[in-house]
Amino acid sequence: MITALPLAAGLSLPLSAMAADWTLDPAHSTLAFSGKQTGTPFSGHFGTFNGTISFDPAHPEAGHAHVTLAMASAVTGDPQRDGALPGKDWFNVAGFPSAVFDAQSFRTTGGNAYEAVGTLTIRGISKPVTLPFTLDINGTTAHAKGHVDLVRSDFGVGQGPWASGQWVALNVGVDIDVTAQRKP
């Protein structure tokens, strides 16, 4: 029960492309999360997010991205879980309506594989996160897919009786499948 935020910030351009700025296309993107509750796997996604990405192929380390995620848009398909997620024990959307991933740089790891190196902020708690992803570019469209594992308690997600992993596992998977369009 944690954010899928690191996801979209992983877009960059291959070294052969022109330097460009990109806009995240939420209609063709998915920011998903998965975990376990009482030993049973569950998954969900965020319905509202946006972001921008900039990348200089001559200097990938100088690239950056900013992705904002509306925490109230998390859904898992389970009415009880979905009702609890916005509450104070979980995302506390009244106090922290958004999560943010700021990638300060990118690095290539070979072929079409990259890493976005940045900071993830959830519930006002910021932690360093490195998001590995693959990237394919076709004309003015970039498509990135990636996965990172997070520990929800590192961000204060799951308070009170939910603070331990007894009922809901502390480990959460975050998956991105995002598309971005090159800005004119």
N, C-alpha and C. Protein backbone atom coordinates (compact mmCIF):
# COMPACT_ATOMS: atom_id res chain seq x y z
N MET A 1 0.84 -1.18 0.00
CA MET A 1 0.00 0.00 0.00
C MET A 1 0.88 1.24 0.00
N ILE A 2 1.62 1.41 -1.04
CA ILE A 2 2.49 2.57 -1.13
C ILE A 2 2.47 3.08 -2.54
N THR A 3 3.16 4.09 -2.79
CA THR A 3 3.06 4.81 -4.03
C THR A 3 3.80 4.18 -5.19
N ALA A 4 3.30 4.44 -6.29
CA ALA A 4 3.92 4.02 -7.52
C ALA A 4 4.65 5.16 -8.17
N LEU A 5 4.90 6.08 -7.40
CA LEU A 5 5.45 7.30 -7.91
C LEU A 5 6.77 7.22 -8.63
N PRO A 6 7.76 6.46 -8.21
CA PRO A 6 9.03 6.53 -8.88
C PRO A 6 8.92 6.20 -10.34
N LEU A 7 7.89 5.58 -10.64
CA LEU A 7 7.65 5.12 -11.95
C LEU A 7 7.94 6.06 -13.03
N ALA A 8 7.23 7.12 -13.29
CA ALA A 8 7.28 7.94 -14.47
C ALA A 8 8.55 8.74 -14.60
N ALA A 9 9.25 8.94 -13.55
CA ALA A 9 10.43 9.78 -13.64
C ALA A 9 11.55 9.10 -14.40
N GLY A 10 11.38 7.85 -14.78
CA GLY A 10 12.43 7.13 -15.43
C GLY A 10 12.62 7.41 -16.90
N LEU A 11 11.90 8.34 -17.50
CA LEU A 11 12.06 8.59 -18.93
C LEU A 11 13.30 9.42 -19.22
N SER A 12 14.01 9.03 -20.24
CA SER A 12 15.13 9.80 -20.75
C SER A 12 15.27 9.48 -22.21
N LEU A 13 16.27 10.01 -22.87
CA LEU A 13 16.49 9.76 -24.29
C LEU A 13 17.78 9.00 -24.50
N PRO A 14 17.86 8.18 -25.56
CA PRO A 14 19.13 7.53 -25.84
C PRO A 14 20.14 8.57 -26.33
N LEU A 15 21.41 8.22 -26.25
CA LEU A 15 22.46 9.17 -26.58
C LEU A 15 22.41 9.64 -28.02
N SER A 16 21.79 8.88 -28.92
CA SER A 16 21.74 9.27 -30.32
C SER A 16 20.64 10.28 -30.60
N ALA A 17 19.74 10.52 -29.67
CA ALA A 17 18.62 11.42 -29.91
C ALA A 17 19.01 12.87 -29.61
N MET A 18 18.17 13.77 -30.09
CA MET A 18 18.36 15.18 -29.80
C MET A 18 17.93 15.45 -28.36
N ALA A 19 18.55 16.45 -27.72
CA ALA A 19 18.11 16.86 -26.39
C ALA A 19 16.66 17.29 -26.49
N ALA A 20 15.85 16.93 -25.50
CA ALA A 20 14.43 17.24 -25.58
C ALA A 20 13.81 17.27 -24.20
N ASP A 21 12.69 17.96 -24.15
CA ASP A 21 11.84 17.92 -22.99
C ASP A 21 10.63 17.07 -23.35
N TRP A 22 10.15 16.32 -22.37
CA TRP A 22 9.05 15.38 -22.58
C TRP A 22 7.96 15.65 -21.56
N THR A 23 6.71 15.38 -21.96
CA THR A 23 5.56 15.50 -21.07
C THR A 23 4.95 14.13 -20.90
N LEU A 24 4.76 13.73 -19.66
CA LEU A 24 4.14 12.45 -19.34
C LEU A 24 2.72 12.41 -19.91
N ASP A 25 2.33 11.29 -20.47
CA ASP A 25 1.00 11.09 -21.05
C ASP A 25 0.21 10.13 -20.15
N PRO A 26 -0.51 10.67 -19.13
CA PRO A 26 -1.21 9.79 -18.18
C PRO A 26 -2.25 8.87 -18.84
N ALA A 27 -2.83 9.30 -19.96
CA ALA A 27 -3.84 8.48 -20.62
C ALA A 27 -3.26 7.18 -21.19
N HIS A 28 -1.96 7.17 -21.42
CA HIS A 28 -1.29 5.99 -21.97
C HIS A 28 -0.22 5.46 -21.02
N SER A 29 -0.42 5.71 -19.73
CA SER A 29 0.57 5.31 -18.72
C SER A 29 -0.11 4.66 -17.53
N THR A 30 0.65 3.82 -16.84
CA THR A 30 0.15 3.18 -15.63
C THR A 30 1.22 3.27 -14.55
N LEU A 31 0.80 3.72 -13.36
CA LEU A 31 1.65 3.73 -12.19
C LEU A 31 1.00 2.76 -11.20
N ALA A 32 1.62 1.62 -11.01
CA ALA A 32 1.00 0.55 -10.24
C ALA A 32 1.81 0.20 -9.00
N PHE A 33 1.15 -0.46 -8.05
CA PHE A 33 1.81 -0.92 -6.84
C PHE A 33 1.24 -2.29 -6.47
N SER A 34 2.03 -3.05 -5.71
CA SER A 34 1.58 -4.37 -5.27
C SER A 34 2.16 -4.67 -3.90
N GLY A 35 1.47 -5.51 -3.18
CA GLY A 35 1.91 -5.90 -1.85
C GLY A 35 1.18 -7.15 -1.41
N LYS A 36 1.24 -7.43 -0.12
CA LYS A 36 0.53 -8.58 0.45
C LYS A 36 -0.19 -8.13 1.72
N GLN A 37 -1.43 -8.58 1.85
CA GLN A 37 -2.21 -8.34 3.06
C GLN A 37 -2.64 -9.69 3.59
N THR A 38 -2.32 -9.97 4.81
CA THR A 38 -2.53 -11.28 5.46
C THR A 38 -2.05 -12.42 4.54
N GLY A 39 -0.91 -12.20 3.90
CA GLY A 39 -0.29 -13.21 3.06
C GLY A 39 -0.86 -13.31 1.65
N THR A 40 -1.90 -12.56 1.35
CA THR A 40 -2.54 -12.62 0.04
C THR A 40 -2.09 -11.44 -0.82
N PRO A 41 -1.57 -11.72 -2.01
CA PRO A 41 -1.12 -10.63 -2.88
C PRO A 41 -2.28 -9.73 -3.31
N PHE A 42 -2.00 -8.44 -3.46
CA PHE A 42 -2.95 -7.50 -4.02
C PHE A 42 -2.18 -6.52 -4.90
N SER A 43 -2.90 -5.85 -5.77
CA SER A 43 -2.29 -4.83 -6.60
C SER A 43 -3.25 -3.66 -6.76
N GLY A 44 -2.69 -2.54 -7.16
CA GLY A 44 -3.49 -1.36 -7.39
C GLY A 44 -2.75 -0.39 -8.29
N HIS A 45 -3.37 0.74 -8.52
CA HIS A 45 -2.74 1.77 -9.35
C HIS A 45 -3.23 3.14 -8.94
N PHE A 46 -2.54 4.16 -9.42
CA PHE A 46 -2.91 5.54 -9.20
C PHE A 46 -3.54 6.08 -10.48
N GLY A 47 -4.69 6.72 -10.35
CA GLY A 47 -5.40 7.22 -11.52
C GLY A 47 -5.02 8.63 -11.94
N THR A 48 -4.43 9.40 -11.03
CA THR A 48 -4.13 10.80 -11.34
C THR A 48 -2.66 11.11 -11.04
N PHE A 49 -1.93 11.50 -12.09
CA PHE A 49 -0.53 11.86 -11.96
C PHE A 49 -0.13 12.68 -13.17
N ASN A 50 0.97 13.41 -13.05
CA ASN A 50 1.51 14.15 -14.19
C ASN A 50 3.00 14.34 -13.98
N GLY A 51 3.68 14.70 -15.05
CA GLY A 51 5.11 14.88 -14.92
C GLY A 51 5.77 15.42 -16.17
N THR A 52 6.98 15.91 -15.98
CA THR A 52 7.81 16.39 -17.08
C THR A 52 9.20 15.78 -16.94
N ILE A 53 9.84 15.60 -18.07
CA ILE A 53 11.16 14.97 -18.10
C ILE A 53 12.05 15.79 -19.04
N SER A 54 13.30 15.99 -18.66
CA SER A 54 14.26 16.66 -19.52
C SER A 54 15.52 15.80 -19.56
N PHE A 55 16.15 15.73 -20.73
CA PHE A 55 17.32 14.88 -20.87
C PHE A 55 18.23 15.44 -21.95
N ASP A 56 19.50 15.57 -21.64
CA ASP A 56 20.52 16.01 -22.59
C ASP A 56 21.35 14.79 -22.94
N PRO A 57 21.27 14.30 -24.18
CA PRO A 57 21.99 13.07 -24.53
C PRO A 57 23.50 13.16 -24.36
N ALA A 58 24.05 14.38 -24.42
CA ALA A 58 25.49 14.54 -24.22
C ALA A 58 25.86 14.46 -22.74
N HIS A 59 24.88 14.68 -21.88
CA HIS A 59 25.12 14.69 -20.44
C HIS A 59 23.92 14.09 -19.70
N PRO A 60 23.73 12.77 -19.75
CA PRO A 60 22.55 12.17 -19.09
C PRO A 60 22.49 12.49 -17.61
N GLU A 61 23.64 12.67 -16.98
CA GLU A 61 23.66 12.99 -15.55
C GLU A 61 23.04 14.36 -15.27
N ALA A 62 22.90 15.20 -16.29
CA ALA A 62 22.30 16.52 -16.11
C ALA A 62 20.79 16.50 -16.34
N GLY A 63 20.25 15.38 -16.77
CA GLY A 63 18.80 15.27 -16.97
C GLY A 63 18.06 15.34 -15.66
N HIS A 64 16.78 15.58 -15.74
CA HIS A 64 15.95 15.63 -14.54
C HIS A 64 14.50 15.34 -14.90
N ALA A 65 13.72 15.01 -13.89
CA ALA A 65 12.29 14.75 -14.07
C ALA A 65 11.57 15.13 -12.79
N HIS A 66 10.31 15.48 -12.95
CA HIS A 66 9.47 15.82 -11.80
C HIS A 66 8.10 15.17 -12.04
N VAL A 67 7.71 14.28 -11.14
CA VAL A 67 6.44 13.57 -11.27
C VAL A 67 5.65 13.77 -9.98
N THR A 68 4.39 14.18 -10.14
CA THR A 68 3.50 14.39 -9.01
C THR A 68 2.34 13.41 -9.12
N LEU A 69 1.99 12.84 -7.99
CA LEU A 69 0.98 11.79 -7.94
C LEU A 69 -0.08 12.15 -6.91
N ALA A 70 -1.35 12.09 -7.28
CA ALA A 70 -2.46 12.35 -6.35
C ALA A 70 -2.71 11.08 -5.54
N MET A 71 -2.38 11.13 -4.27
CA MET A 71 -2.50 9.94 -3.42
C MET A 71 -3.94 9.45 -3.27
N ALA A 72 -4.90 10.37 -3.36
CA ALA A 72 -6.31 9.98 -3.23
C ALA A 72 -6.79 9.16 -4.42
N SER A 73 -6.00 9.10 -5.49
CA SER A 73 -6.42 8.37 -6.69
C SER A 73 -6.02 6.90 -6.66
N ALA A 74 -5.48 6.41 -5.53
CA ALA A 74 -5.08 5.00 -5.43
C ALA A 74 -6.32 4.11 -5.34
N VAL A 75 -6.34 3.07 -6.16
CA VAL A 75 -7.42 2.08 -6.12
C VAL A 75 -6.84 0.68 -6.24
N THR A 76 -7.46 -0.25 -5.52
CA THR A 76 -7.05 -1.66 -5.58
C THR A 76 -8.19 -2.58 -5.99
N GLY A 77 -9.40 -2.05 -6.02
CA GLY A 77 -10.56 -2.87 -6.35
C GLY A 77 -11.21 -3.51 -5.12
N ASP A 78 -10.62 -3.32 -3.95
CA ASP A 78 -11.20 -3.83 -2.70
C ASP A 78 -11.79 -2.64 -1.95
N PRO A 79 -13.11 -2.58 -1.77
CA PRO A 79 -13.73 -1.40 -1.15
C PRO A 79 -13.19 -1.07 0.24
N GLN A 80 -12.92 -2.06 1.06
CA GLN A 80 -12.40 -1.80 2.40
C GLN A 80 -10.99 -1.20 2.33
N ARG A 81 -10.13 -1.80 1.54
CA ARG A 81 -8.76 -1.30 1.39
C ARG A 81 -8.77 0.10 0.76
N ASP A 82 -9.59 0.27 -0.30
CA ASP A 82 -9.64 1.56 -0.98
C ASP A 82 -10.18 2.65 -0.05
N GLY A 83 -11.07 2.31 0.85
CA GLY A 83 -11.58 3.27 1.82
C GLY A 83 -10.55 3.64 2.87
N ALA A 84 -9.66 2.71 3.20
CA ALA A 84 -8.64 2.96 4.22
C ALA A 84 -7.43 3.72 3.69
N LEU A 85 -7.05 3.52 2.44
CA LEU A 85 -5.83 4.13 1.90
C LEU A 85 -5.74 5.65 2.09
N PRO A 86 -6.81 6.42 1.87
CA PRO A 86 -6.67 7.87 2.04
C PRO A 86 -6.57 8.31 3.51
N GLY A 87 -6.87 7.44 4.45
CA GLY A 87 -6.93 7.80 5.86
C GLY A 87 -5.58 8.09 6.50
N LYS A 88 -5.65 8.58 7.75
CA LYS A 88 -4.44 8.99 8.48
C LYS A 88 -3.45 7.86 8.68
N ASP A 89 -3.91 6.63 8.83
CA ASP A 89 -2.99 5.51 9.05
C ASP A 89 -2.19 5.15 7.80
N TRP A 90 -2.71 5.48 6.62
CA TRP A 90 -2.03 5.09 5.39
C TRP A 90 -1.45 6.30 4.67
N PHE A 91 -2.12 6.82 3.66
CA PHE A 91 -1.56 7.92 2.88
C PHE A 91 -1.80 9.29 3.51
N ASN A 92 -2.79 9.40 4.39
CA ASN A 92 -3.11 10.67 5.03
C ASN A 92 -3.23 11.78 3.99
N VAL A 93 -4.17 11.61 3.05
CA VAL A 93 -4.30 12.56 1.95
C VAL A 93 -4.76 13.94 2.42
N ALA A 94 -5.40 14.04 3.58
CA ALA A 94 -5.78 15.36 4.09
C ALA A 94 -4.53 16.19 4.40
N GLY A 95 -3.51 15.56 4.93
CA GLY A 95 -2.27 16.27 5.26
C GLY A 95 -1.23 16.23 4.15
N PHE A 96 -1.28 15.19 3.32
CA PHE A 96 -0.27 15.00 2.28
C PHE A 96 -0.96 14.52 0.99
N PRO A 97 -1.62 15.42 0.27
CA PRO A 97 -2.40 15.01 -0.90
C PRO A 97 -1.58 14.48 -2.07
N SER A 98 -0.30 14.82 -2.11
CA SER A 98 0.53 14.41 -3.25
C SER A 98 1.79 13.72 -2.79
N ALA A 99 2.28 12.86 -3.65
CA ALA A 99 3.62 12.30 -3.52
C ALA A 99 4.40 12.83 -4.71
N VAL A 100 5.71 12.96 -4.55
CA VAL A 100 6.53 13.53 -5.62
C VAL A 100 7.79 12.70 -5.79
N PHE A 101 8.14 12.45 -7.06
CA PHE A 101 9.44 11.87 -7.37
C PHE A 101 10.19 12.90 -8.20
N ASP A 102 11.33 13.32 -7.68
CA ASP A 102 12.22 14.23 -8.40
C ASP A 102 13.48 13.47 -8.75
N ALA A 103 13.67 13.22 -10.04
CA ALA A 103 14.91 12.59 -10.50
C ALA A 103 15.91 13.71 -10.80
N GLN A 104 17.03 13.68 -10.10
CA GLN A 104 18.05 14.71 -10.30
C GLN A 104 19.00 14.37 -11.45
N SER A 105 19.04 13.08 -11.83
CA SER A 105 19.91 12.69 -12.94
C SER A 105 19.50 11.32 -13.46
N PHE A 106 20.07 10.97 -14.59
CA PHE A 106 19.88 9.66 -15.19
C PHE A 106 21.25 9.07 -15.48
N ARG A 107 21.30 7.75 -15.57
CA ARG A 107 22.53 7.10 -16.01
C ARG A 107 22.15 5.89 -16.85
N THR A 108 22.99 5.65 -17.84
CA THR A 108 22.77 4.50 -18.71
C THR A 108 23.40 3.28 -18.06
N THR A 109 22.75 2.12 -18.21
CA THR A 109 23.30 0.89 -17.66
C THR A 109 23.53 -0.15 -18.75
N GLY A 110 23.41 0.28 -20.02
CA GLY A 110 23.68 -0.59 -21.15
C GLY A 110 22.45 -0.82 -22.01
N GLY A 111 22.64 -0.78 -23.32
CA GLY A 111 21.53 -0.97 -24.25
C GLY A 111 20.46 0.09 -24.03
N ASN A 112 19.22 -0.37 -23.89
CA ASN A 112 18.12 0.56 -23.64
C ASN A 112 17.74 0.59 -22.15
N ALA A 113 18.68 0.22 -21.28
CA ALA A 113 18.45 0.20 -19.84
C ALA A 113 19.07 1.44 -19.18
N TYR A 114 18.33 2.00 -18.24
CA TYR A 114 18.74 3.23 -17.58
C TYR A 114 18.36 3.17 -16.10
N GLU A 115 18.79 4.17 -15.37
CA GLU A 115 18.35 4.38 -14.00
C GLU A 115 18.04 5.86 -13.81
N ALA A 116 16.93 6.13 -13.13
CA ALA A 116 16.60 7.49 -12.70
C ALA A 116 17.00 7.58 -11.24
N VAL A 117 17.86 8.54 -10.92
CA VAL A 117 18.37 8.71 -9.56
C VAL A 117 17.71 9.95 -8.97
N GLY A 118 16.96 9.75 -7.89
CA GLY A 118 16.24 10.89 -7.36
C GLY A 118 15.77 10.72 -5.93
N THR A 119 14.77 11.52 -5.60
CA THR A 119 14.20 11.56 -4.27
C THR A 119 12.69 11.35 -4.37
N LEU A 120 12.18 10.44 -3.56
CA LEU A 120 10.75 10.18 -3.48
C LEU A 120 10.25 10.75 -2.16
N THR A 121 9.17 11.52 -2.22
CA THR A 121 8.58 12.11 -1.02
C THR A 121 7.14 11.63 -0.90
N ILE A 122 6.86 10.96 0.22
CA ILE A 122 5.51 10.49 0.55
C ILE A 122 5.26 10.87 2.01
N ARG A 123 4.08 11.38 2.29
CA ARG A 123 3.71 11.79 3.65
C ARG A 123 4.75 12.75 4.26
N GLY A 124 5.37 13.57 3.41
CA GLY A 124 6.35 14.54 3.89
C GLY A 124 7.71 13.95 4.21
N ILE A 125 7.90 12.68 3.94
CA ILE A 125 9.18 12.01 4.19
C ILE A 125 9.89 11.78 2.86
N SER A 126 11.10 12.28 2.74
CA SER A 126 11.88 12.15 1.50
C SER A 126 12.99 11.14 1.68
N LYS A 127 13.13 10.26 0.70
CA LYS A 127 14.17 9.23 0.70
C LYS A 127 14.76 9.12 -0.70
N PRO A 128 16.06 8.79 -0.79
CA PRO A 128 16.65 8.55 -2.11
C PRO A 128 16.10 7.27 -2.71
N VAL A 129 15.83 7.32 -4.02
CA VAL A 129 15.33 6.16 -4.75
C VAL A 129 16.01 6.12 -6.11
N THR A 130 16.44 4.92 -6.52
CA THR A 130 16.97 4.71 -7.86
C THR A 130 16.02 3.77 -8.57
N LEU A 131 15.44 4.24 -9.66
CA LEU A 131 14.46 3.49 -10.44
C LEU A 131 15.11 2.94 -11.72
N PRO A 132 15.31 1.62 -11.80
CA PRO A 132 15.80 1.03 -13.05
C PRO A 132 14.64 0.92 -14.04
N PHE A 133 14.93 1.16 -15.32
CA PHE A 133 13.89 1.09 -16.34
C PHE A 133 14.51 0.83 -17.71
N THR A 134 13.65 0.38 -18.62
CA THR A 134 14.04 0.26 -20.03
C THR A 134 13.28 1.34 -20.78
N LEU A 135 13.85 1.77 -21.90
CA LEU A 135 13.27 2.86 -22.66
C LEU A 135 13.33 2.57 -24.15
N ASP A 136 12.21 2.81 -24.82
CA ASP A 136 12.14 2.73 -26.27
C ASP A 136 11.54 4.03 -26.78
N ILE A 137 12.14 4.58 -27.84
CA ILE A 137 11.66 5.82 -28.43
C ILE A 137 11.31 5.57 -29.88
N ASN A 138 10.10 6.04 -30.26
CA ASN A 138 9.64 5.92 -31.63
C ASN A 138 9.15 7.31 -32.05
N GLY A 139 9.96 8.03 -32.81
CA GLY A 139 9.59 9.37 -33.23
C GLY A 139 9.52 10.32 -32.05
N THR A 140 8.33 10.86 -31.79
CA THR A 140 8.14 11.81 -30.70
C THR A 140 7.54 11.16 -29.46
N THR A 141 7.52 9.83 -29.44
CA THR A 141 6.93 9.10 -28.30
C THR A 141 7.99 8.25 -27.61
N ALA A 142 8.07 8.39 -26.30
CA ALA A 142 8.98 7.58 -25.48
C ALA A 142 8.14 6.65 -24.60
N HIS A 143 8.59 5.41 -24.46
CA HIS A 143 7.89 4.43 -23.62
C HIS A 143 8.89 3.79 -22.66
N ALA A 144 8.62 3.92 -21.37
CA ALA A 144 9.50 3.38 -20.34
C ALA A 144 8.75 2.38 -19.47
N LYS A 145 9.45 1.31 -19.08
CA LYS A 145 8.91 0.32 -18.16
C LYS A 145 9.96 0.06 -17.10
N GLY A 146 9.52 0.02 -15.84
CA GLY A 146 10.46 -0.21 -14.76
C GLY A 146 9.80 -0.76 -13.52
N HIS A 147 10.64 -1.18 -12.59
CA HIS A 147 10.17 -1.74 -11.32
C HIS A 147 11.18 -1.38 -10.23
N VAL A 148 10.63 -1.03 -9.06
CA VAL A 148 11.46 -0.79 -7.88
C VAL A 148 10.70 -1.32 -6.67
N ASP A 149 11.43 -1.83 -5.71
CA ASP A 149 10.83 -2.27 -4.45
C ASP A 149 11.08 -1.21 -3.39
N LEU A 150 10.05 -0.92 -2.61
CA LEU A 150 10.13 0.05 -1.53
C LEU A 150 9.69 -0.59 -0.23
N VAL A 151 10.04 0.03 0.87
CA VAL A 151 9.56 -0.39 2.20
C VAL A 151 8.62 0.72 2.67
N ARG A 152 7.34 0.42 2.79
CA ARG A 152 6.32 1.44 3.07
C ARG A 152 6.58 2.18 4.36
N SER A 153 7.10 1.50 5.37
CA SER A 153 7.33 2.14 6.67
C SER A 153 8.45 3.19 6.59
N ASP A 154 9.33 3.11 5.59
CA ASP A 154 10.35 4.14 5.40
C ASP A 154 9.71 5.51 5.16
N PHE A 155 8.48 5.51 4.65
CA PHE A 155 7.76 6.74 4.32
C PHE A 155 6.59 7.00 5.29
N GLY A 156 6.53 6.24 6.38
CA GLY A 156 5.46 6.45 7.35
C GLY A 156 4.11 5.94 6.89
N VAL A 157 4.08 5.12 5.86
CA VAL A 157 2.82 4.57 5.36
C VAL A 157 2.49 3.33 6.18
N GLY A 158 1.37 3.39 6.89
CA GLY A 158 0.97 2.32 7.80
C GLY A 158 1.30 2.72 9.22
N GLN A 159 0.37 3.34 9.89
CA GLN A 159 0.56 3.83 11.25
C GLN A 159 -0.19 2.93 12.23
N GLY A 160 0.05 3.13 13.51
CA GLY A 160 -0.67 2.40 14.55
C GLY A 160 -0.53 0.89 14.38
N PRO A 161 -1.65 0.16 14.35
CA PRO A 161 -1.58 -1.30 14.25
C PRO A 161 -1.01 -1.78 12.92
N TRP A 162 -0.90 -0.87 11.95
CA TRP A 162 -0.39 -1.23 10.62
C TRP A 162 1.09 -0.96 10.46
N ALA A 163 1.74 -0.46 11.49
CA ALA A 163 3.15 -0.07 11.39
C ALA A 163 4.08 -1.27 11.18
N SER A 164 3.72 -2.42 11.73
CA SER A 164 4.54 -3.61 11.52
C SER A 164 4.04 -4.33 10.26
N GLY A 165 4.74 -5.33 9.87
CA GLY A 165 4.34 -6.11 8.70
C GLY A 165 3.42 -7.28 9.05
N GLN A 166 2.86 -7.27 10.26
CA GLN A 166 2.04 -8.41 10.69
C GLN A 166 0.83 -8.63 9.79
N TRP A 167 0.11 -7.56 9.42
CA TRP A 167 -1.11 -7.71 8.62
C TRP A 167 -0.89 -7.33 7.17
N VAL A 168 -0.10 -6.29 6.96
CA VAL A 168 0.21 -5.83 5.61
C VAL A 168 1.73 -5.78 5.48
N ALA A 169 2.26 -6.50 4.50
CA ALA A 169 3.71 -6.59 4.32
C ALA A 169 4.33 -5.20 4.18
N LEU A 170 5.54 -5.07 4.69
CA LEU A 170 6.25 -3.79 4.59
C LEU A 170 6.78 -3.55 3.18
N ASN A 171 7.12 -4.61 2.47
CA ASN A 171 7.66 -4.48 1.11
C ASN A 171 6.53 -4.24 0.11
N VAL A 172 6.76 -3.26 -0.75
CA VAL A 172 5.79 -2.90 -1.78
C VAL A 172 6.53 -2.81 -3.11
N GLY A 173 5.95 -3.39 -4.13
CA GLY A 173 6.50 -3.27 -5.47
C GLY A 173 5.86 -2.10 -6.19
N VAL A 174 6.66 -1.38 -6.94
CA VAL A 174 6.17 -0.26 -7.74
C VAL A 174 6.54 -0.54 -9.19
N ASP A 175 5.55 -0.49 -10.06
CA ASP A 175 5.77 -0.74 -11.48
C ASP A 175 5.32 0.46 -12.30
N ILE A 176 6.16 0.85 -13.23
CA ILE A 176 5.81 1.92 -14.15
C ILE A 176 5.72 1.36 -15.56
N ASP A 177 4.76 1.85 -16.29
CA ASP A 177 4.62 1.59 -17.71
C ASP A 177 4.11 2.91 -18.28
N VAL A 178 5.03 3.77 -18.64
CA VAL A 178 4.66 5.14 -18.97
C VAL A 178 5.07 5.55 -20.38
N THR A 179 4.27 6.45 -20.91
CA THR A 179 4.51 7.02 -22.23
C THR A 179 4.64 8.52 -22.06
N ALA A 180 5.54 9.12 -22.80
CA ALA A 180 5.72 10.56 -22.79
C ALA A 180 5.85 11.05 -24.23
N GLN A 181 5.43 12.28 -24.43
CA GLN A 181 5.50 12.91 -25.76
C GLN A 181 6.55 14.02 -25.74
N ARG A 182 7.33 14.08 -26.81
CA ARG A 182 8.33 15.12 -26.94
C ARG A 182 7.62 16.46 -27.10
N LYS A 183 8.07 17.46 -26.33
CA LYS A 183 7.51 18.81 -26.47
C LYS A 183 8.01 19.42 -27.77
N PRO A 184 7.16 20.17 -28.45
CA PRO A 184 7.62 20.81 -29.71
C PRO A 184 8.69 21.86 -29.46
